[in-house]
C-alpha atoms as a PDB file:
ATOM      1  CA  VAL A   1     113.929 142.627  61.890  1.00  0.00           C
ATOM      2  CA  CYS A   2     111.197 145.011  60.492  1.00  0.00           C
ATOM      3  CA  VAL A   3     111.036 148.844  61.820  1.00  0.00           C
ATOM      4  CA  ASN A   4     107.812 150.255  62.521  1.00  0.00           C
ATOM      5  CA  VAL A   5     107.852 153.250  59.422  1.00  0.00           C
ATOM      6  CA  PHE A   6     104.237 155.491  59.577  1.00  0.00           C
ATOM      7  CA  PHE A   7     103.247 157.220  56.493  1.00  0.00           C
ATOM      8  CA  PHE A   8     100.351 159.670  56.260  1.00  0.00           C
ATOM      9  CA  SER A   9      98.499 160.267  53.047  1.00  0.00           C
ATOM     10  CA  SER A  10      95.195 161.242  51.652  1.00  0.00           C
ATOM     11  CA  ARG A  11      92.189 159.406  50.912  1.00  0.00           C
ATOM     12  CA  ARG A  12      92.599 160.725  47.856  1.00  0.00           C
ATOM     13  CA  ARG A  13      96.344 160.061  47.495  1.00  0.00           C
ATOM     14  CA  HIS A  14      97.357 155.999  47.168  1.00  0.00           C
ATOM     15  CA  THR A  15     101.376 155.426  46.515  1.00  0.00           C
ATOM     16  CA  ARG A  16     102.964 152.526  44.725  1.00  0.00           C
ATOM     17  CA  PHE A  17     106.231 153.700  44.996  1.00  0.00           C
ATOM     18  CA  LEU A  18     108.289 150.281  45.811  1.00  0.00           C
ATOM     19  CA  PRO A  19     109.281 151.257  49.605  1.00  0.00           C
ATOM     20  CA  VAL A  20     105.887 152.023  50.858  1.00  0.00           C
ATOM     21  CA  SER A  21     104.073 148.984  49.262  1.00  0.00           C
ATOM     22  CA  TRP A  22     107.199 146.883  50.642  1.00  0.00           C
ATOM     23  CA  ALA A  23     107.043 148.897  53.923  1.00  0.00           C
ATOM     24  CA  ARG A  24     103.077 147.723  53.855  1.00  0.00           C
ATOM     25  CA  ARG A  25     103.744 143.925  53.335  1.00  0.00           C
ATOM     26  CA  CYS A  26     106.353 144.398  56.362  1.00  0.00           C
ATOM     27  CA  VAL A  27     103.462 145.669  58.639  1.00  0.00           C
ATOM     28  CA  GLN A  28     101.010 142.912  57.829  1.00  0.00           C
ATOM     29  CA  GLU A  29     103.814 140.464  58.239  1.00  0.00           C
ATOM     30  CA  THR A  30     104.653 141.291  61.316  1.00  0.00           C
ATOM     31  CA  GLY A  31     101.111 141.532  62.608  1.00  0.00           C
ATOM     32  CA  ILE A  32     100.473 138.063  61.556  1.00  0.00           C
ATOM     33  CA  ASN A  33     104.034 136.691  63.230  1.00  0.00           C
ATOM     34  CA  ALA A  34     102.739 139.476  66.859  1.00  0.00           C
ATOM     35  CA  GLU A  35      99.424 137.305  66.580  1.00  0.00           C
ATOM     36  CA  TYR A  36     101.621 134.041  66.469  1.00  0.00           C
ATOM     37  CA  MET A  37     104.619 134.946  69.415  1.00  0.00           C
ATOM     38  CA  GLY A  38     101.340 135.707  71.481  1.00  0.00           C
ATOM     39  CA  LYS A  39     100.350 132.422  70.657  1.00  0.00           C
ATOM     40  CA  GLN A  40     102.881 130.550  72.096  1.00  0.00           C
ATOM     41  CA  ILE A  41     104.055 133.218  75.210  1.00  0.00           C
ATOM     42  CA  LEU A  42     100.397 132.971  76.553  1.00  0.00           C
ATOM     43  CA  ILE A  43     100.649 128.485  76.045  1.00  0.00           C
ATOM     44  CA  LEU A  44     104.188 129.073  77.214  1.00  0.00           C
ATOM     45  CA  GLN A  45     102.587 131.181  80.486  1.00  0.00           C
ATOM     46  CA  MET A  46     100.010 128.170  80.567  1.00  0.00           C
ATOM     47  CA  LYS A  47     102.356 125.811  81.130  1.00  0.00           C
ATOM     48  CA  PHE A  48     104.628 127.807  83.271  1.00  0.00           C
ATOM     49  CA  ILE A  49     101.206 127.709  85.589  1.00  0.00           C
ATOM     50  CA  LEU A  50     100.180 124.644  86.055  1.00  0.00           C
ATOM     51  CA  LEU A  51     104.066 123.332  86.375  1.00  0.00           C
ATOM     52  CA  ALA A  52     103.737 125.858  89.024  1.00  0.00           C
ATOM     53  CA  VAL A  53     100.518 124.578  90.791  1.00  0.00           C
ATOM     54  CA  ALA A  54     101.554 120.780  90.323  1.00  0.00           C
ATOM     55  CA  LEU A  55     105.684 121.748  92.067  1.00  0.00           C
ATOM     56  CA  SER A  56     103.558 123.850  94.549  1.00  0.00           C
ATOM     57  CA  ALA A  57     100.956 120.671  95.100  1.00  0.00           C
ATOM     58  CA  VAL A  58     103.936 118.731  96.047  1.00  0.00           C
ATOM     59  CA  LEU A  59     105.968 120.822  98.310  1.00  0.00           C
ATOM     60  CA  CYS A  60     102.643 121.562  99.977  1.00  0.00           C
ATOM     61  CA  LEU A  61     101.378 117.834 100.137  1.00  0.00           C
ATOM     62  CA  GLN A  62     100.611 116.687 103.510  1.00  0.00           C
ATOM     63  CA  PRO A  63     101.492 113.395 105.087  1.00  0.00           C
ATOM     64  CA  PRO A  64      97.970 111.308 105.426  1.00  0.00           C
ATOM     65  CA  VAL A  65      95.932 111.590 108.533  1.00  0.00           C
ATOM     66  CA  TRP A  66      93.959 108.395 110.365  1.00  0.00           C
ATOM     67  CA  PRO A  67      90.112 108.881 111.115  1.00  0.00           C
ATOM     68  CA  ASN A  68      89.522 108.391 114.405  1.00  0.00           C
ATOM     69  CA  GLN A  69      88.304 105.067 113.820  1.00  0.00           C
ATOM     70  CA  TRP A  70      88.735 103.026 111.015  1.00  0.00           C
ATOM     71  CA  GLN A  71      88.728  98.530 110.158  1.00  0.00           C
ATOM     72  CA  ALA A  72      90.159  96.684 106.775  1.00  0.00           C
ATOM     73  CA  SER A  73      91.754  93.489 106.952  1.00  0.00           C
ATOM     74  CA  PHE A  74      94.891  93.129 104.969  1.00  0.00           C
ATOM     75  CA  ASN A  75      97.392  90.242 103.859  1.00  0.00           C
ATOM     76  CA  GLU A  76     100.338  90.050 105.790  1.00  0.00           C
ATOM     77  CA  SER A  77     103.747  88.816 105.001  1.00  0.00           C
ATOM     78  CA  SER A  78     106.824  88.350 107.265  1.00  0.00           C
ATOM     79  CA  LYS A  79     110.143  86.729 106.756  1.00  0.00           C
ATOM     80  CA  TYR A  80     112.225  87.148 110.058  1.00  0.00           C
ATOM     81  CA  PHE A  81     114.994  84.268 110.708  1.00  0.00           C
ATOM     82  CA  PHE A  82     114.083  80.870 109.272  1.00  0.00           C
ATOM     83  CA  ILE A  83     110.431  81.661 109.797  1.00  0.00           C
ATOM     84  CA  GLN A  84     108.569  83.083 106.820  1.00  0.00           C
ATOM     85  CA  GLY A  85     104.599  83.148 105.239  1.00  0.00           C
ATOM     86  CA  GLU A  86     102.201  85.291 104.817  1.00  0.00           C
ATOM     87  CA  THR A  87      98.602  85.380 106.655  1.00  0.00           C
ATOM     88  CA  GLN A  88      94.732  87.248 106.539  1.00  0.00           C
ATOM     89  CA  ALA A  89      94.603  89.287 108.635  1.00  0.00           C
ATOM     90  CA  THR A  90      91.778  92.130 110.411  1.00  0.00           C
ATOM     91  CA  TYR A  91      93.010  95.748 111.549  1.00  0.00           C
ATOM     92  CA  TYR A  92      90.527  97.379 114.237  1.00  0.00           C
ATOM     93  CA  TYR A  93      91.986 100.939 114.924  1.00  0.00           C
ATOM     94  CA  ASP A  94      89.835 103.342 117.490  1.00  0.00           C
ATOM     95  CA  TRP A  95      91.244 106.418 118.230  1.00  0.00           C
ATOM     96  CA  THR A  96      87.993 108.190 120.118  1.00  0.00           C
ATOM     97  CA  ASN A  97      87.872 105.534 122.578  1.00  0.00           C
ATOM     98  CA  GLN A  98      91.620 104.348 123.096  1.00  0.00           C
ATOM     99  CA  ASN A  99      91.040 100.952 121.863  1.00  0.00           C
ATOM    100  CA  TYR A 100      92.550  98.659 118.820  1.00  0.00           C
ATOM    101  CA  ARG A 101      92.734  94.957 117.600  1.00  0.00           C
ATOM    102  CA  VAL A 102      94.442  92.581 114.943  1.00  0.00           C
ATOM    103  CA  ASP A 103      93.360  89.502 114.363  1.00  0.00           C
ATOM    104  CA  ARG A 104      95.947  87.210 112.781  1.00  0.00           C
ATOM    105  CA  GLU A 105      95.063  83.866 110.928  1.00  0.00           C
ATOM    106  CA  ASP A 106      98.629  82.206 112.064  1.00  0.00           C
ATOM    107  CA  GLY A 107     100.427  84.092 115.093  1.00  0.00           C
ATOM    108  CA  VAL A 108     103.549  83.041 114.631  1.00  0.00           C
ATOM    109  CA  LEU A 109     104.223  85.017 111.738  1.00  0.00           C
ATOM    110  CA  ASP A 110     103.943  87.891 114.354  1.00  0.00           C
ATOM    111  CA  ARG A 111     106.755  88.716 116.424  1.00  0.00           C
ATOM    112  CA  TYR A 112     104.657  89.182 119.556  1.00  0.00           C
ATOM    113  CA  CYS A 113     102.313  86.486 119.167  1.00  0.00           C
ATOM    114  CA  GLY A 114     105.242  84.074 117.568  1.00  0.00           C
ATOM    115  CA  THR A 115     107.597  84.157 120.635  1.00  0.00           C
ATOM    116  CA  VAL A 116     104.771  83.411 123.314  1.00  0.00           C
ATOM    117  CA  ARG A 117     103.943  80.505 120.987  1.00  0.00           C
ATOM    118  CA  LYS A 118     107.671  79.417 119.805  1.00  0.00           C
ATOM    119  CA  PHE A 119     106.464  77.402 116.315  1.00  0.00           C
ATOM    120  CA  GLN A 120     102.830  77.180 116.876  1.00  0.00           C
ATOM    121  CA  ARG A 121     100.862  77.762 114.040  1.00  0.00           C
ATOM    122  CA  THR A 122      97.573  79.292 115.594  1.00  0.00           C
ATOM    123  CA  PRO A 123      95.757  82.428 115.786  1.00  0.00           C
ATOM    124  CA  CYS A 124      96.169  85.285 117.828  1.00  0.00           C
ATOM    125  CA  THR A 125      94.908  88.661 118.727  1.00  0.00           C
ATOM    126  CA  HIS A 126      96.351  91.223 119.877  1.00  0.00           C
ATOM    127  CA  TYR A 127      94.293  93.835 122.394  1.00  0.00           C
ATOM    128  CA  VAL A 128      94.947  96.791 123.472  1.00  0.00           C
ATOM    129  CA  THR A 129      92.630  98.664 125.950  1.00  0.00           C
ATOM    130  CA  GLY A 130      93.143 100.834 129.005  1.00  0.00           C
ATOM    131  CA  GLY A 131      96.734 101.615 127.906  1.00  0.00           C
ATOM    132  CA  LYS A 132      97.643  97.804 128.047  1.00  0.00           C
ATOM    133  CA  ARG A 133      98.392  95.379 125.728  1.00  0.00           C
ATOM    134  CA  TYR A 134      97.134  91.753 125.274  1.00  0.00           C
ATOM    135  CA  LEU A 135      97.888  88.832 123.540  1.00  0.00           C
ATOM    136  CA  HIS A 136      95.179  86.628 122.932  1.00  0.00           C
ATOM    137  CA  PHE A 137      95.227  82.262 121.341  1.00  0.00           C
ATOM    138  CA  PRO A 138      91.688  81.754 121.277  1.00  0.00           C
ATOM    139  CA  GLU A 139      92.026  78.424 119.921  1.00  0.00           C
ATOM    140  CA  LYS A 140      94.230  77.961 123.198  1.00  0.00           C
ATOM    141  CA  ASN A 141      91.862  79.486 125.191  1.00  0.00           C
ATOM    142  CA  ASP A 142      94.895  81.586 126.453  1.00  0.00           C
ATOM    143  CA  CYS A 143      96.110  84.811 127.412  1.00  0.00           C
ATOM    144  CA  CYS A 144      99.229  86.813 128.152  1.00  0.00           C
ATOM    145  CA  TYR A 145      99.505  90.696 129.536  1.00  0.00           C
ATOM    146  CA  CYS A 146     102.376  91.981 126.761  1.00  0.00           C
ATOM    147  CA  CYS A 147     103.589  95.729 127.851  1.00  0.00           C
ATOM    148  CA  ASP A 148     101.849  99.557 128.675  1.00  0.00           C
ATOM    149  CA  ALA A 149     101.366 101.946 125.972  1.00  0.00           C
ATOM    150  CA  GLU A 150     104.208 104.167 128.649  1.00  0.00           C
ATOM    151  CA  ARG A 151     106.367 101.659 126.674  1.00  0.00           C
ATOM    152  CA  GLY A 152     105.691 101.992 123.498  1.00  0.00           C
ATOM    153  CA  CYS A 153     102.949  99.337 122.856  1.00  0.00           C
ATOM    154  CA  GLY A 154      99.815 101.464 122.836  1.00  0.00           C
ATOM    155  CA  LEU A 155      97.711 102.859 120.304  1.00  0.00           C
ATOM    156  CA  LEU A 156      99.947 105.071 117.203  1.00  0.00           C
ATOM    157  CA  ARG A 157      98.413 108.214 117.128  1.00  0.00           C
ATOM    158  CA  PRO A 158      96.271 109.286 113.807  1.00  0.00           C
ATOM    159  CA  ASP A 159      99.147 111.989 112.571  1.00  0.00           C
ATOM    160  CA  TRP A 160     101.882 109.019 113.846  1.00  0.00           C
ATOM    161  CA  LEU A 161     102.886 109.936 110.194  1.00  0.00           C
ATOM    162  CA  SER A 162     103.393 113.966 111.131  1.00  0.00           C
ATOM    163  CA  ASN A 163     107.536 113.930 110.066  1.00  0.00           C
ATOM    164  CA  ALA A 164     107.577 111.527 107.111  1.00  0.00           C
ATOM    165  CA  GLU A 165     108.525 112.225 103.686  1.00  0.00           C
ATOM    166  CA  TYR A 166     106.703 112.336 100.372  1.00  0.00           C
ATOM    167  CA  THR A 167     108.678 110.487  97.842  1.00  0.00           C
ATOM    168  CA  GLY A 168     106.869 110.757  95.079  1.00  0.00           C
ATOM    169  CA  ASN A 169     103.846 108.850  93.459  1.00  0.00           C
ATOM    170  CA  VAL A 170     104.253 105.375  92.456  1.00  0.00           C
ATOM    171  CA  GLN A 171     102.262 102.811  90.548  1.00  0.00           C
ATOM    172  CA  SER A 172     101.488  99.071  92.442  1.00  0.00           C
ATOM    173  CA  ASP A 173      99.135  96.375  90.365  1.00  0.00           C
ATOM    174  CA  GLY A 174      97.935  99.324  88.407  1.00  0.00           C
ATOM    175  CA  ILE A 175      96.899 101.343  91.398  1.00  0.00           C
ATOM    176  CA  GLU A 176      98.919 105.130  92.014  1.00  0.00           C
ATOM    177  CA  LEU A 177     100.066 105.714  95.156  1.00  0.00           C
ATOM    178  CA  GLU A 178     101.576 108.175  97.427  1.00  0.00           C
ATOM    179  CA  SER A 179     104.667 107.286  98.952  1.00  0.00           C
ATOM    180  CA  TRP A 180     105.772 107.890 102.149  1.00  0.00           C
ATOM    181  CA  ALA A 181     108.870 106.830 104.515  1.00  0.00           C
ATOM    182  CA  LEU A 182     108.788 107.258 107.951  1.00  0.00           C
ATOM    183  CA  LYS A 183     112.523 106.977 109.116  1.00  0.00           C
ATOM    184  CA  ALA A 184     112.393 106.397 113.437  1.00  0.00           C
ATOM    185  CA  GLY A 185     115.484 104.379 115.312  1.00  0.00           C
ATOM    186  CA  GLY A 186     117.597 103.955 112.281  1.00  0.00           C
ATOM    187  CA  ARG A 187     115.258 102.375 110.247  1.00  0.00           C
ATOM    188  CA  THR A 188     113.112 103.504 107.603  1.00  0.00           C
ATOM    189  CA  ASN A 189     109.333 102.083 107.707  1.00  0.00           C
ATOM    190  CA  ILE A 190     107.408 102.660 104.150  1.00  0.00           C
ATOM    191  CA  TYR A 191     103.476 103.361 103.520  1.00  0.00           C
ATOM    192  CA  TYR A 192     101.054 103.676 101.156  1.00  0.00           C
ATOM    193  CA  ASN A 193      97.935 104.974 100.563  1.00  0.00           C
ATOM    194  CA  ILE A 194      95.716 106.519  97.521  1.00  0.00           C
ATOM    195  CA  PRO A 195      95.542 109.503  96.906  1.00  0.00           C
ATOM    196  CA  ASP A 196      91.351 109.988  97.291  1.00  0.00           C
ATOM    197  CA  ASP A 197      89.730 111.880  99.739  1.00  0.00           C
ATOM    198  CA  LYS A 198      89.851 109.528 102.623  1.00  0.00           C
ATOM    199  CA  ARG A 199      93.750 109.070 102.116  1.00  0.00           C
ATOM    200  CA  THR A 200      93.116 105.155 101.906  1.00  0.00           C
ATOM    201  CA  PRO A 201      95.589 103.341 103.261  1.00  0.00           C
ATOM    202  CA  TYR A 202      97.563 100.640 100.737  1.00  0.00           C
ATOM    203  CA  ARG A 203     100.470  98.978 102.127  1.00  0.00           C
ATOM    204  CA  MET A 204     103.091  99.331 104.852  1.00  0.00           C
ATOM    205  CA  GLN A 205     106.169  97.853 104.912  1.00  0.00           C
ATOM    206  CA  ILE A 206     107.333  97.427 107.874  1.00  0.00           C
ATOM    207  CA  PHE A 207     111.325  97.624 108.656  1.00  0.00           C
ATOM    208  CA  PRO A 208     113.145  94.754 108.754  1.00  0.00           C
ATOM    209  CA  ASN A 209     110.661  92.096 107.700  1.00  0.00           C
ATOM    210  CA  ASN A 210     106.680  92.797 107.314  1.00  0.00           C
ATOM    211  CA  THR A 211     104.275  93.970 105.036  1.00  0.00           C
ATOM    212  CA  LEU A 212     100.877  94.296 105.351  1.00  0.00           C
ATOM    213  CA  SER A 213      98.467  95.268 102.288  1.00  0.00           C
ATOM    214  CA  PHE A 214      95.072  96.421 102.906  1.00  0.00           C
ATOM    215  CA  ASN A 215      91.755  95.145 100.992  1.00  0.00           C
ATOM    216  CA  THR A 216      90.611  98.363  99.932  1.00  0.00           C
ATOM    217  CA  SER A 217      87.303  96.875  98.999  1.00  0.00           C
ATOM    218  CA  THR A 218      87.107  96.003 102.914  1.00  0.00           C
ATOM    219  CA  TYR A 219      88.202  99.692 104.826  1.00  0.00           C
ATOM    220  CA  GLN A 220      85.354 101.410 106.067  1.00  0.00           C
ATOM    221  CA  ASP A 221      85.966 104.763 108.500  1.00  0.00           C
ATOM    222  CA  SER A 222      84.070 103.503 110.958  1.00  0.00           C
ATOM    223  CA  ILE A 223      83.767 100.589 113.486  1.00  0.00           C
ATOM    224  CA  ALA A 224      81.082  98.561 112.692  1.00  0.00           C
ATOM    225  CA  ASP A 225      80.888  96.760 115.753  1.00  0.00           C
ATOM    226  CA  PRO A 226      82.496  98.384 118.831  1.00  0.00           C
ATOM    227  CA  SER A 227      82.571  94.668 120.720  1.00  0.00           C
ATOM    228  CA  VAL A 228      84.997  93.457 118.967  1.00  0.00           C
ATOM    229  CA  PHE A 229      87.059  95.271 121.193  1.00  0.00           C
ATOM    230  CA  GLN A 230      86.264  93.635 124.752  1.00  0.00           C
ATOM    231  CA  LEU A 231      88.278  91.878 126.343  1.00  0.00           C
ATOM    232  CA  PRO A 232      88.359  88.037 126.834  1.00  0.00           C
ATOM    233  CA  GLU A 233      87.951  87.761 130.763  1.00  0.00           C
ATOM    234  CA  ILE A 234      90.488  85.438 130.624  1.00  0.00           C
ATOM    235  CA  CYS A 235      92.792  87.762 129.590  1.00  0.00           C
ATOM    236  CA  THR A 236      94.232  89.824 132.654  1.00  0.00           C
ATOM    237  CA  PRO A 237      97.760  92.297 133.756  1.00  0.00           C
ATOM    238  CA  LYS A 238      98.006  89.749 136.533  1.00  0.00           C
ATOM    239  CA  LYS A 239      99.246  86.643 133.775  1.00  0.00           C
ATOM    240  CA  THR A 240     101.960  88.590 132.314  1.00  0.00           C
ATOM    241  CA  CYS A 241     103.549  86.263 128.734  1.00  0.00           C
ATOM    242  CA  PRO A 242     106.362  84.375 129.381  1.00  0.00           C
ATOM    243  CA  LYS A 243     109.489  85.888 130.077  1.00  0.00           C
ATOM    244  CA  PHE A 244     111.294  84.870 126.706  1.00  0.00           C
ATOM    245  CA  SER A 245     109.442  86.852 124.129  1.00  0.00           C
ATOM    246  CA  LEU A 246     109.645  90.144 122.949  1.00  0.00           C
ATOM    247  CA  CYS A 247     106.892  91.163 125.626  1.00  0.00           C
ATOM    248  CA  THR A 248     109.435  91.558 128.297  1.00  0.00           C
ATOM    249  CA  PRO A 249     112.011  94.386 127.163  1.00  0.00           C
ATOM    250  CA  PHE A 250     108.812  97.125 126.950  1.00  0.00           C
ATOM    251  CA  ARG A 251     107.352  95.723 130.123  1.00  0.00           C
ATOM    252  CA  ALA A 252     110.639  95.842 132.345  1.00  0.00           C
END
């Protein structure tokens, strides 16, 4: 520990007295140490600021909000009871005009389509338009009315993840993703998005048995062809889906 000592002398008088020389060296060395300590303190301050900024970013991170229109292809893996497998599909979302469509190459893997055409591996399309959901089986030339928006069969809102909890960033397939957990009805669904400007959807894990993995190269925040929402003529509210299908509890 060095104590600051001040010495006064004229320009014409110099001393080599030992205590004075020691004090001069002490002051000089203290100056060097002070400069070093100053740099260390500055580094610590910068680290603290960066940590505070990072922590603030995490605490202030808001759940992703879907654009009013978007579309993308995806791979879906499903497993329930003794039916399991994967299928290719395409997702069309249009909140602006209240339209929605999902095409699946294999409808048996969808909980709705699979209970209408039981054990039949055939394409199935979900249409939601005018607040009503229809299931269309193009290869069977068949379509039935499933349920309506008042009973939970409408579109997801763009901000449907508003109550989701951020659970951190994860790595998947070499890509950094934001992870969100949404609890509803005793179930927890997990949603992943790329932390880019568009918060691009990447994966949805729907409890207990569905995983939708989006092909990000096909993602676009618009609808390329609005006619995809045109309802086939054979789809009518008068023809309801079979009584022993998953549609019935939502339609009753």
